[in-house]
Amino acid sequence: MKKYLFLLLFACTAYQYVQSQHKLVKLWEIDSVLKVPESVLYDQQNKVLYVSNIDGEPWGKDGKGFISKLSQDGKIIKKEWVTGLNAPKGMGLYKNKLYVADLSEIVVIDIAKGVIESRLKINGANGLNDITIAANSMLSVSDSKNKVVYTFPATFFKKISWILDSTDLKGPNGLLAYNNLLYVLDAGSLYTYKYDKKTGKQFVEIANGMETSTDGIENVSGNEFIVSSWSGVVYYINADGSKQVLLDGREQKINSADIGYNHAERIVYIPTFWKNTVAAYKLQ
């Protein structure tokens, strides 16, 4: 009897393991025509992709950076849609505006007109990297060099205040505002941050042991996420904090920078940085 119970338990465990596995199936990849693409953002309302192009050194202030606009199936609508940036990286959407992290400032683009509307200079910042904007308009941006995360209303820039600094972080990059929490990728670990007036700062580790170059984060459903690392590894993070490697481009030296995600169709968009392409994968 014990033998049968053991076999049944083993079979159930194996079944759950198989059921929990995910994979990425490649749909398309554009030709190598981009210029050091760092981030991809899917615009659900307009059904297009925005891609930030550094076009030079990753932290170079040279005025060569630009934003590309692509169709959902990888066709280039306009390669240099908005120009005049330096080394643009993470992006966020709020009320028909595209917010772009660009070294020491946030560039605000009018999507309908395709022009830069304004620029916000953050004093002391020199490594702005990723942006996330919550439903209540609160914008958070990471400064990987200064080990700081700033937050402020996207509609009122004058109220800047940092919420996390080097006492908590090693080198923050990917950010995600989700379910009233701020998710922060920092040197191979995923944390949540929340500030409560009564209990103070709440900083909780969700997952660890990833490549230290963790870069982009997207929510899949519930408390499950996709995380990319610049070195080329893409992970699936389960609700219990366990992880699965979905993609590993390290041997081929293919980077996976700040990813984008189409929730409705479960498509992950991966910018390959030095390979100058964007690839799309179906999450299964």
C-alpha atoms as a PDB file:
ATOM      1  CA  MET A   1       0.000   0.000   0.000  1.00  0.00           C
ATOM      2  CA  LYS A   2       2.806   2.374   0.924  1.00  0.00           C
ATOM      3  CA  LYS A   3       4.456   1.650  -2.405  1.00  0.00           C
ATOM      4  CA  TYR A   4       1.343   2.652  -4.331  1.00  0.00           C
ATOM      5  CA  LEU A   5       0.911   5.814  -2.262  1.00  0.00           C
ATOM      6  CA  PHE A   6       4.513   6.733  -2.980  1.00  0.00           C
ATOM      7  CA  LEU A   7       4.036   6.159  -6.714  1.00  0.00           C
ATOM      8  CA  LEU A   8       0.836   8.201  -6.679  1.00  0.00           C
ATOM      9  CA  LEU A   9       2.546  11.037  -4.832  1.00  0.00           C
ATOM     10  CA  PHE A  10       5.472  10.923  -7.241  1.00  0.00           C
ATOM     11  CA  ALA A  11       3.131  10.960 -10.251  1.00  0.00           C
ATOM     12  CA  CYS A  12       1.193  13.930  -8.887  1.00  0.00           C
ATOM     13  CA  THR A  13       4.395  15.834  -8.141  1.00  0.00           C
ATOM     14  CA  ALA A  14       5.753  15.111 -11.617  1.00  0.00           C
ATOM     15  CA  TYR A  15       2.467  16.232 -13.170  1.00  0.00           C
ATOM     16  CA  GLN A  16       2.536  19.501 -11.245  1.00  0.00           C
ATOM     17  CA  TYR A  17       6.142  20.065 -12.293  1.00  0.00           C
ATOM     18  CA  VAL A  18       5.294  19.548 -15.968  1.00  0.00           C
ATOM     19  CA  GLN A  19       2.261  21.763 -15.653  1.00  0.00           C
ATOM     20  CA  SER A  20       4.306  24.566 -14.113  1.00  0.00           C
ATOM     21  CA  GLN A  21       6.853  24.711 -16.946  1.00  0.00           C
ATOM     22  CA  HIS A  22       6.660  27.517 -19.472  1.00  0.00           C
ATOM     23  CA  LYS A  23       8.481  28.189 -22.711  1.00  0.00           C
ATOM     24  CA  LEU A  24       9.058  30.932 -25.260  1.00  0.00           C
ATOM     25  CA  VAL A  25       8.281  30.186 -28.901  1.00  0.00           C
ATOM     26  CA  LYS A  26       9.878  32.580 -31.350  1.00  0.00           C
ATOM     27  CA  LEU A  27       7.457  34.419 -33.654  1.00  0.00           C
ATOM     28  CA  TRP A  28       9.676  36.881 -35.481  1.00  0.00           C
ATOM     29  CA  GLU A  29      12.837  38.961 -35.331  1.00  0.00           C
ATOM     30  CA  ILE A  30      13.511  42.137 -37.279  1.00  0.00           C
ATOM     31  CA  ASP A  31      16.689  42.684 -39.287  1.00  0.00           C
ATOM     32  CA  SER A  32      19.691  44.275 -37.591  1.00  0.00           C
ATOM     33  CA  VAL A  33      18.707  47.821 -38.478  1.00  0.00           C
ATOM     34  CA  LEU A  34      18.211  49.331 -35.033  1.00  0.00           C
ATOM     35  CA  LYS A  35      20.952  51.129 -33.111  1.00  0.00           C
ATOM     36  CA  VAL A  36      21.615  49.507 -29.735  1.00  0.00           C
ATOM     37  CA  PRO A  37      17.965  48.924 -28.761  1.00  0.00           C
ATOM     38  CA  GLU A  38      17.674  48.952 -24.955  1.00  0.00           C
ATOM     39  CA  SER A  39      13.956  48.856 -24.179  1.00  0.00           C
ATOM     40  CA  VAL A  40      10.685  47.819 -25.824  1.00  0.00           C
ATOM     41  CA  LEU A  41       7.256  49.035 -24.709  1.00  0.00           C
ATOM     42  CA  TYR A  42       3.945  47.770 -26.064  1.00  0.00           C
ATOM     43  CA  ASP A  43       1.236  50.418 -26.512  1.00  0.00           C
ATOM     44  CA  GLN A  44      -2.020  48.496 -26.261  1.00  0.00           C
ATOM     45  CA  GLN A  45      -4.205  51.457 -27.186  1.00  0.00           C
ATOM     46  CA  ASN A  46      -2.370  52.252 -30.423  1.00  0.00           C
ATOM     47  CA  LYS A  47      -1.259  48.646 -31.135  1.00  0.00           C
ATOM     48  CA  VAL A  48       2.370  49.611 -31.718  1.00  0.00           C
ATOM     49  CA  LEU A  49       5.779  49.041 -30.140  1.00  0.00           C
ATOM     50  CA  TYR A  50       8.166  51.754 -29.027  1.00  0.00           C
ATOM     51  CA  VAL A  51      11.882  50.950 -28.972  1.00  0.00           C
ATOM     52  CA  SER A  52      14.529  53.116 -27.325  1.00  0.00           C
ATOM     53  CA  ASN A  53      17.787  53.242 -29.312  1.00  0.00           C
ATOM     54  CA  ILE A  54      21.000  54.350 -27.609  1.00  0.00           C
ATOM     55  CA  ASP A  55      22.992  54.539 -30.878  1.00  0.00           C
ATOM     56  CA  GLY A  56      26.368  54.871 -29.175  1.00  0.00           C
ATOM     57  CA  GLU A  57      27.866  54.299 -25.756  1.00  0.00           C
ATOM     58  CA  PRO A  58      25.371  53.048 -23.127  1.00  0.00           C
ATOM     59  CA  TRP A  59      25.930  56.140 -20.957  1.00  0.00           C
ATOM     60  CA  GLY A  60      27.106  58.581 -23.614  1.00  0.00           C
ATOM     61  CA  LYS A  61      25.674  62.080 -23.789  1.00  0.00           C
ATOM     62  CA  ASP A  62      25.972  62.538 -27.533  1.00  0.00           C
ATOM     63  CA  GLY A  63      22.486  63.472 -28.773  1.00  0.00           C
ATOM     64  CA  LYS A  64      22.326  60.429 -31.061  1.00  0.00           C
ATOM     65  CA  GLY A  65      19.615  58.495 -29.209  1.00  0.00           C
ATOM     66  CA  PHE A  66      16.138  58.051 -30.678  1.00  0.00           C
ATOM     67  CA  ILE A  67      12.830  56.200 -30.368  1.00  0.00           C
ATOM     68  CA  SER A  68      11.569  53.815 -33.060  1.00  0.00           C
ATOM     69  CA  LYS A  69       7.971  52.857 -33.749  1.00  0.00           C
ATOM     70  CA  LEU A  70       7.194  49.285 -34.859  1.00  0.00           C
ATOM     71  CA  SER A  71       4.019  47.409 -35.742  1.00  0.00           C
ATOM     72  CA  GLN A  72       2.908  44.446 -33.634  1.00  0.00           C
ATOM     73  CA  ASP A  73       4.293  42.031 -36.220  1.00  0.00           C
ATOM     74  CA  GLY A  74       7.743  43.611 -36.291  1.00  0.00           C
ATOM     75  CA  LYS A  75       7.456  45.942 -39.264  1.00  0.00           C
ATOM     76  CA  ILE A  76       9.246  49.259 -38.856  1.00  0.00           C
ATOM     77  CA  ILE A  77       6.716  52.085 -39.055  1.00  0.00           C
ATOM     78  CA  LYS A  78       9.344  54.778 -38.501  1.00  0.00           C
ATOM     79  CA  LYS A  79      12.879  53.983 -37.456  1.00  0.00           C
ATOM     80  CA  GLU A  80      13.731  57.463 -36.137  1.00  0.00           C
ATOM     81  CA  TRP A  81      10.274  58.412 -34.907  1.00  0.00           C
ATOM     82  CA  VAL A  82      11.541  60.809 -32.224  1.00  0.00           C
ATOM     83  CA  THR A  83      15.154  62.006 -32.185  1.00  0.00           C
ATOM     84  CA  GLY A  84      17.249  64.308 -30.015  1.00  0.00           C
ATOM     85  CA  LEU A  85      17.850  61.996 -27.055  1.00  0.00           C
ATOM     86  CA  ASN A  86      21.168  60.816 -25.613  1.00  0.00           C
ATOM     87  CA  ALA A  87      21.147  57.252 -24.290  1.00  0.00           C
ATOM     88  CA  PRO A  88      17.406  56.503 -23.842  1.00  0.00           C
ATOM     89  CA  LYS A  89      16.470  53.424 -21.874  1.00  0.00           C
ATOM     90  CA  GLY A  90      13.253  52.538 -19.981  1.00  0.00           C
ATOM     91  CA  MET A  91       9.862  53.918 -21.008  1.00  0.00           C
ATOM     92  CA  GLY A  92       6.409  54.362 -19.527  1.00  0.00           C
ATOM     93  CA  LEU A  93       2.969  55.375 -20.810  1.00  0.00           C
ATOM     94  CA  TYR A  94       0.514  57.746 -19.170  1.00  0.00           C
ATOM     95  CA  LYS A  95      -2.392  59.653 -20.768  1.00  0.00           C
ATOM     96  CA  ASN A  96      -1.078  59.569 -24.346  1.00  0.00           C
ATOM     97  CA  LYS A  97       2.408  60.597 -23.279  1.00  0.00           C
ATOM     98  CA  LEU A  98       5.549  58.493 -23.529  1.00  0.00           C
ATOM     99  CA  TYR A  99       8.020  59.018 -20.676  1.00  0.00           C
ATOM    100  CA  VAL A 100      11.637  58.071 -21.416  1.00  0.00           C
ATOM    101  CA  ALA A 101      14.566  57.748 -18.983  1.00  0.00           C
ATOM    102  CA  ASP A 102      17.557  59.493 -20.561  1.00  0.00           C
ATOM    103  CA  LEU A 103      20.682  59.688 -18.370  1.00  0.00           C
ATOM    104  CA  SER A 104      19.876  62.650 -16.120  1.00  0.00           C
ATOM    105  CA  GLU A 105      16.446  63.628 -17.361  1.00  0.00           C
ATOM    106  CA  ILE A 106      13.037  62.273 -18.232  1.00  0.00           C
ATOM    107  CA  VAL A 107      11.899  63.095 -21.747  1.00  0.00           C
ATOM    108  CA  VAL A 108       8.141  63.439 -22.282  1.00  0.00           C
ATOM    109  CA  ILE A 109       6.903  62.682 -25.805  1.00  0.00           C
ATOM    110  CA  ASP A 110       3.500  63.620 -27.213  1.00  0.00           C
ATOM    111  CA  ILE A 111       2.489  60.348 -28.867  1.00  0.00           C
ATOM    112  CA  ALA A 112      -0.085  61.853 -31.240  1.00  0.00           C
ATOM    113  CA  LYS A 113       2.379  64.437 -32.574  1.00  0.00           C
ATOM    114  CA  GLY A 114       5.528  62.362 -32.287  1.00  0.00           C
ATOM    115  CA  VAL A 115       7.499  65.231 -30.755  1.00  0.00           C
ATOM    116  CA  ILE A 116       9.275  65.947 -27.477  1.00  0.00           C
ATOM    117  CA  GLU A 117       6.925  67.953 -25.302  1.00  0.00           C
ATOM    118  CA  SER A 118       9.137  68.583 -22.285  1.00  0.00           C
ATOM    119  CA  ARG A 119      12.203  67.447 -20.368  1.00  0.00           C
ATOM    120  CA  LEU A 120      12.592  66.999 -16.624  1.00  0.00           C
ATOM    121  CA  LYS A 121      16.106  67.378 -15.291  1.00  0.00           C
ATOM    122  CA  ILE A 122      16.714  65.395 -12.083  1.00  0.00           C
ATOM    123  CA  ASN A 123      19.518  67.103 -10.191  1.00  0.00           C
ATOM    124  CA  GLY A 124      22.360  64.746  -9.370  1.00  0.00           C
ATOM    125  CA  ALA A 125      21.082  61.907 -11.557  1.00  0.00           C
ATOM    126  CA  ASN A 126      23.375  60.457 -14.214  1.00  0.00           C
ATOM    127  CA  GLY A 127      22.250  56.857 -14.650  1.00  0.00           C
ATOM    128  CA  LEU A 128      18.468  56.899 -15.125  1.00  0.00           C
ATOM    129  CA  ASN A 129      17.463  53.475 -16.362  1.00  0.00           C
ATOM    130  CA  ASP A 130      13.895  52.193 -16.044  1.00  0.00           C
ATOM    131  CA  ILE A 131      10.493  53.833 -15.604  1.00  0.00           C
ATOM    132  CA  THR A 132       7.155  52.597 -14.341  1.00  0.00           C
ATOM    133  CA  ILE A 133       3.953  54.595 -13.900  1.00  0.00           C
ATOM    134  CA  ALA A 134       1.179  53.512 -11.538  1.00  0.00           C
ATOM    135  CA  ALA A 135      -2.522  54.011 -12.200  1.00  0.00           C
ATOM    136  CA  ASN A 136      -2.568  56.932  -9.756  1.00  0.00           C
ATOM    137  CA  SER A 137       0.031  58.730 -11.937  1.00  0.00           C
ATOM    138  CA  MET A 138       2.971  58.125  -9.598  1.00  0.00           C
ATOM    139  CA  LEU A 139       6.085  57.692 -11.712  1.00  0.00           C
ATOM    140  CA  SER A 140       9.144  55.840 -10.429  1.00  0.00           C
ATOM    141  CA  VAL A 141      12.532  55.892 -12.149  1.00  0.00           C
ATOM    142  CA  SER A 142      15.706  54.022 -11.226  1.00  0.00           C
ATOM    143  CA  ASP A 143      19.176  55.568 -11.229  1.00  0.00           C
ATOM    144  CA  SER A 144      21.457  52.545 -11.503  1.00  0.00           C
ATOM    145  CA  LYS A 145      24.685  54.504 -11.068  1.00  0.00           C
ATOM    146  CA  ASN A 146      23.626  56.413  -7.961  1.00  0.00           C
ATOM    147  CA  LYS A 147      21.709  53.419  -6.535  1.00  0.00           C
ATOM    148  CA  VAL A 148      18.552  55.481  -6.125  1.00  0.00           C
ATOM    149  CA  VAL A 149      14.888  55.170  -7.098  1.00  0.00           C
ATOM    150  CA  TYR A 150      12.950  58.421  -7.433  1.00  0.00           C
ATOM    151  CA  THR A 151       9.180  58.793  -7.398  1.00  0.00           C
ATOM    152  CA  PHE A 152       6.852  61.699  -8.167  1.00  0.00           C
ATOM    153  CA  PRO A 153       3.524  62.444  -9.913  1.00  0.00           C
ATOM    154  CA  ALA A 154       3.882  62.169 -13.691  1.00  0.00           C
ATOM    155  CA  THR A 155       1.606  65.180 -14.003  1.00  0.00           C
ATOM    156  CA  PHE A 156       3.497  67.399 -11.555  1.00  0.00           C
ATOM    157  CA  PHE A 157       7.255  67.053 -11.753  1.00  0.00           C
ATOM    158  CA  LYS A 158       8.130  69.536  -8.997  1.00  0.00           C
ATOM    159  CA  LYS A 159       7.324  67.076  -6.218  1.00  0.00           C
ATOM    160  CA  ILE A 160      10.333  64.790  -6.703  1.00  0.00           C
ATOM    161  CA  SER A 161      11.332  62.654  -3.737  1.00  0.00           C
ATOM    162  CA  TRP A 162      13.538  59.563  -3.569  1.00  0.00           C
ATOM    163  CA  ILE A 163      12.100  56.494  -1.897  1.00  0.00           C
ATOM    164  CA  LEU A 164      15.000  54.050  -1.986  1.00  0.00           C
ATOM    165  CA  ASP A 165      18.725  54.742  -1.813  1.00  0.00           C
ATOM    166  CA  SER A 166      22.090  53.012  -1.591  1.00  0.00           C
ATOM    167  CA  THR A 167      21.395  51.754   1.924  1.00  0.00           C
ATOM    168  CA  ASP A 168      18.852  49.381   0.377  1.00  0.00           C
ATOM    169  CA  LEU A 169      20.160  48.851  -3.151  1.00  0.00           C
ATOM    170  CA  LYS A 170      23.246  47.693  -5.041  1.00  0.00           C
ATOM    171  CA  GLY A 171      22.277  48.917  -8.511  1.00  0.00           C
ATOM    172  CA  PRO A 172      18.530  49.107  -9.220  1.00  0.00           C
ATOM    173  CA  ASN A 173      17.295  48.707 -12.760  1.00  0.00           C
ATOM    174  CA  GLY A 174      13.926  47.200 -13.708  1.00  0.00           C
ATOM    175  CA  LEU A 175      10.820  48.641 -12.043  1.00  0.00           C
ATOM    176  CA  LEU A 176       7.157  47.675 -12.117  1.00  0.00           C
ATOM    177  CA  ALA A 177       4.194  49.313 -10.398  1.00  0.00           C
ATOM    178  CA  TYR A 178       1.733  46.496  -9.786  1.00  0.00           C
ATOM    179  CA  ASN A 179      -1.003  45.732  -7.267  1.00  0.00           C
ATOM    180  CA  ASN A 180      -0.207  48.762  -5.076  1.00  0.00           C
ATOM    181  CA  LEU A 181       3.438  47.719  -4.794  1.00  0.00           C
ATOM    182  CA  LEU A 182       6.641  48.797  -6.465  1.00  0.00           C
ATOM    183  CA  TYR A 183       8.662  45.836  -7.760  1.00  0.00           C
ATOM    184  CA  VAL A 184      12.394  46.489  -7.992  1.00  0.00           C
ATOM    185  CA  LEU A 185      15.068  44.427  -9.764  1.00  0.00           C
ATOM    186  CA  ASP A 186      18.423  44.854  -8.089  1.00  0.00           C
ATOM    187  CA  ALA A 187      21.588  42.885  -8.900  1.00  0.00           C
ATOM    188  CA  GLY A 188      19.947  39.493  -9.412  1.00  0.00           C
ATOM    189  CA  SER A 189      17.116  39.787  -6.912  1.00  0.00           C
ATOM    190  CA  LEU A 190      13.491  40.902  -7.097  1.00  0.00           C
ATOM    191  CA  TYR A 191      12.028  42.965  -4.265  1.00  0.00           C
ATOM    192  CA  THR A 192       8.767  44.676  -3.448  1.00  0.00           C
ATOM    193  CA  TYR A 193       8.675  48.066  -1.810  1.00  0.00           C
ATOM    194  CA  LYS A 194       5.838  49.755   0.013  1.00  0.00           C
ATOM    195  CA  TYR A 195       5.789  52.700   2.372  1.00  0.00           C
ATOM    196  CA  ASP A 196       3.212  52.801   5.130  1.00  0.00           C
ATOM    197  CA  LYS A 197       2.862  55.830   7.418  1.00  0.00           C
ATOM    198  CA  LYS A 198       2.372  53.601  10.450  1.00  0.00           C
ATOM    199  CA  THR A 199       4.838  50.786   9.858  1.00  0.00           C
ATOM    200  CA  GLY A 200       7.380  52.694   7.744  1.00  0.00           C
ATOM    201  CA  LYS A 201       9.392  51.181   4.916  1.00  0.00           C
ATOM    202  CA  GLN A 202       8.586  47.634   3.846  1.00  0.00           C
ATOM    203  CA  PHE A 203      11.248  46.085   1.613  1.00  0.00           C
ATOM    204  CA  VAL A 204      10.706  42.376   0.888  1.00  0.00           C
ATOM    205  CA  GLU A 205      12.722  39.962  -1.256  1.00  0.00           C
ATOM    206  CA  ILE A 206      10.559  37.934  -3.668  1.00  0.00           C
ATOM    207  CA  ALA A 207      13.186  36.011  -5.671  1.00  0.00           C
ATOM    208  CA  ASN A 208      16.960  35.794  -5.884  1.00  0.00           C
ATOM    209  CA  GLY A 209      19.801  33.907  -7.567  1.00  0.00           C
ATOM    210  CA  MET A 210      19.338  35.421 -11.026  1.00  0.00           C
ATOM    211  CA  GLU A 211      22.060  36.909 -13.213  1.00  0.00           C
ATOM    212  CA  THR A 212      23.269  40.113 -11.547  1.00  0.00           C
ATOM    213  CA  SER A 213      22.436  42.129 -14.672  1.00  0.00           C
ATOM    214  CA  THR A 214      18.653  41.850 -14.099  1.00  0.00           C
ATOM    215  CA  ASP A 215      17.043  44.378 -16.423  1.00  0.00           C
ATOM    216  CA  GLY A 216      13.318  44.229 -17.328  1.00  0.00           C
ATOM    217  CA  ILE A 217      10.236  42.962 -15.504  1.00  0.00           C
ATOM    218  CA  GLU A 218       6.676  42.327 -16.666  1.00  0.00           C
ATOM    219  CA  ASN A 219       3.701  40.824 -14.837  1.00  0.00           C
ATOM    220  CA  VAL A 220       2.122  37.763 -16.464  1.00  0.00           C
ATOM    221  CA  SER A 221      -0.757  37.129 -14.069  1.00  0.00           C
ATOM    222  CA  GLY A 222      -1.290  37.097 -10.320  1.00  0.00           C
ATOM    223  CA  ASN A 223       2.113  37.087  -8.659  1.00  0.00           C
ATOM    224  CA  GLU A 224       3.980  35.603 -11.612  1.00  0.00           C
ATOM    225  CA  PHE A 225       6.483  37.612 -13.645  1.00  0.00           C
ATOM    226  CA  ILE A 226       8.907  37.524 -16.540  1.00  0.00           C
ATOM    227  CA  VAL A 227      12.343  38.964 -15.785  1.00  0.00           C
ATOM    228  CA  SER A 228      15.151  39.626 -18.248  1.00  0.00           C
ATOM    229  CA  SER A 229      18.846  40.083 -17.605  1.00  0.00           C
ATOM    230  CA  TRP A 230      21.131  42.093 -19.834  1.00  0.00           C
ATOM    231  CA  SER A 231      23.568  39.164 -20.031  1.00  0.00           C
ATOM    232  CA  GLY A 232      21.010  37.180 -22.048  1.00  0.00           C
ATOM    233  CA  VAL A 233      18.951  35.136 -19.588  1.00  0.00           C
ATOM    234  CA  VAL A 234      15.153  35.467 -19.362  1.00  0.00           C
ATOM    235  CA  TYR A 235      13.368  33.997 -16.341  1.00  0.00           C
ATOM    236  CA  TYR A 236       9.831  33.039 -15.366  1.00  0.00           C
ATOM    237  CA  ILE A 237       9.233  33.872 -11.701  1.00  0.00           C
ATOM    238  CA  ASN A 238       6.547  31.817  -9.995  1.00  0.00           C
ATOM    239  CA  ALA A 239       4.318  33.055  -7.194  1.00  0.00           C
ATOM    240  CA  ASP A 240       6.414  31.206  -4.601  1.00  0.00           C
ATOM    241  CA  GLY A 241       9.602  32.929  -5.764  1.00  0.00           C
ATOM    242  CA  SER A 242      10.981  29.933  -7.635  1.00  0.00           C
ATOM    243  CA  LYS A 243      12.294  30.587 -11.127  1.00  0.00           C
ATOM    244  CA  GLN A 244      12.634  28.906 -14.498  1.00  0.00           C
ATOM    245  CA  VAL A 245      15.032  29.848 -17.289  1.00  0.00           C
ATOM    246  CA  LEU A 246      13.037  30.559 -20.451  1.00  0.00           C
ATOM    247  CA  LEU A 247      15.875  31.759 -22.656  1.00  0.00           C
ATOM    248  CA  ASP A 248      19.660  31.823 -22.390  1.00  0.00           C
ATOM    249  CA  GLY A 249      21.627  33.753 -24.980  1.00  0.00           C
ATOM    250  CA  ARG A 250      24.916  33.983 -23.098  1.00  0.00           C
ATOM    251  CA  GLU A 251      26.802  31.460 -25.223  1.00  0.00           C
ATOM    252  CA  GLN A 252      25.742  33.230 -28.429  1.00  0.00           C
ATOM    253  CA  LYS A 253      26.400  36.628 -26.781  1.00  0.00           C
ATOM    254  CA  ILE A 254      22.826  37.745 -27.407  1.00  0.00           C
ATOM    255  CA  ASN A 255      21.648  40.221 -24.802  1.00  0.00           C
ATOM    256  CA  SER A 256      18.116  40.488 -23.473  1.00  0.00           C
ATOM    257  CA  ALA A 257      17.653  44.025 -22.216  1.00  0.00           C
ATOM    258  CA  ASP A 258      14.429  45.728 -21.024  1.00  0.00           C
ATOM    259  CA  ILE A 259      11.555  43.560 -22.270  1.00  0.00           C
ATOM    260  CA  GLY A 260       8.016  44.519 -23.301  1.00  0.00           C
ATOM    261  CA  TYR A 261       4.872  42.408 -22.976  1.00  0.00           C
ATOM    262  CA  ASN A 262       1.533  42.119 -24.763  1.00  0.00           C
ATOM    263  CA  HIS A 263      -0.750  40.695 -22.054  1.00  0.00           C
ATOM    264  CA  ALA A 264      -3.706  39.962 -24.323  1.00  0.00           C
ATOM    265  CA  GLU A 265      -1.680  37.795 -26.704  1.00  0.00           C
ATOM    266  CA  ARG A 266       1.042  36.701 -24.242  1.00  0.00           C
ATOM    267  CA  ILE A 267       3.865  37.954 -26.438  1.00  0.00           C
ATOM    268  CA  VAL A 268       7.247  38.948 -25.009  1.00  0.00           C
ATOM    269  CA  TYR A 269       9.333  41.493 -26.930  1.00  0.00           C
ATOM    270  CA  ILE A 270      13.087  41.315 -26.343  1.00  0.00           C
ATOM    271  CA  PRO A 271      15.617  43.973 -27.443  1.00  0.00           C
ATOM    272  CA  THR A 272      19.030  42.417 -28.137  1.00  0.00           C
ATOM    273  CA  PHE A 273      21.142  45.536 -27.505  1.00  0.00           C
ATOM    274  CA  TRP A 274      24.451  45.042 -29.393  1.00  0.00           C
ATOM    275  CA  LYS A 275      22.776  42.724 -31.946  1.00  0.00           C
ATOM    276  CA  ASN A 276      20.534  45.653 -32.996  1.00  0.00           C
ATOM    277  CA  THR A 277      17.321  43.670 -33.273  1.00  0.00           C
ATOM    278  CA  VAL A 278      14.029  43.086 -31.489  1.00  0.00           C
ATOM    279  CA  ALA A 279      12.616  39.567 -31.262  1.00  0.00           C
ATOM    280  CA  ALA A 280       9.083  38.478 -30.326  1.00  0.00           C
ATOM    281  CA  TYR A 281       8.207  35.263 -28.462  1.00  0.00           C
ATOM    282  CA  LYS A 282       4.927  33.623 -27.580  1.00  0.00           C
ATOM    283  CA  LEU A 283       4.769  32.692 -23.914  1.00  0.00           C
ATOM    284  CA  GLN A 284       3.336  29.201 -23.455  1.00  0.00           C
END
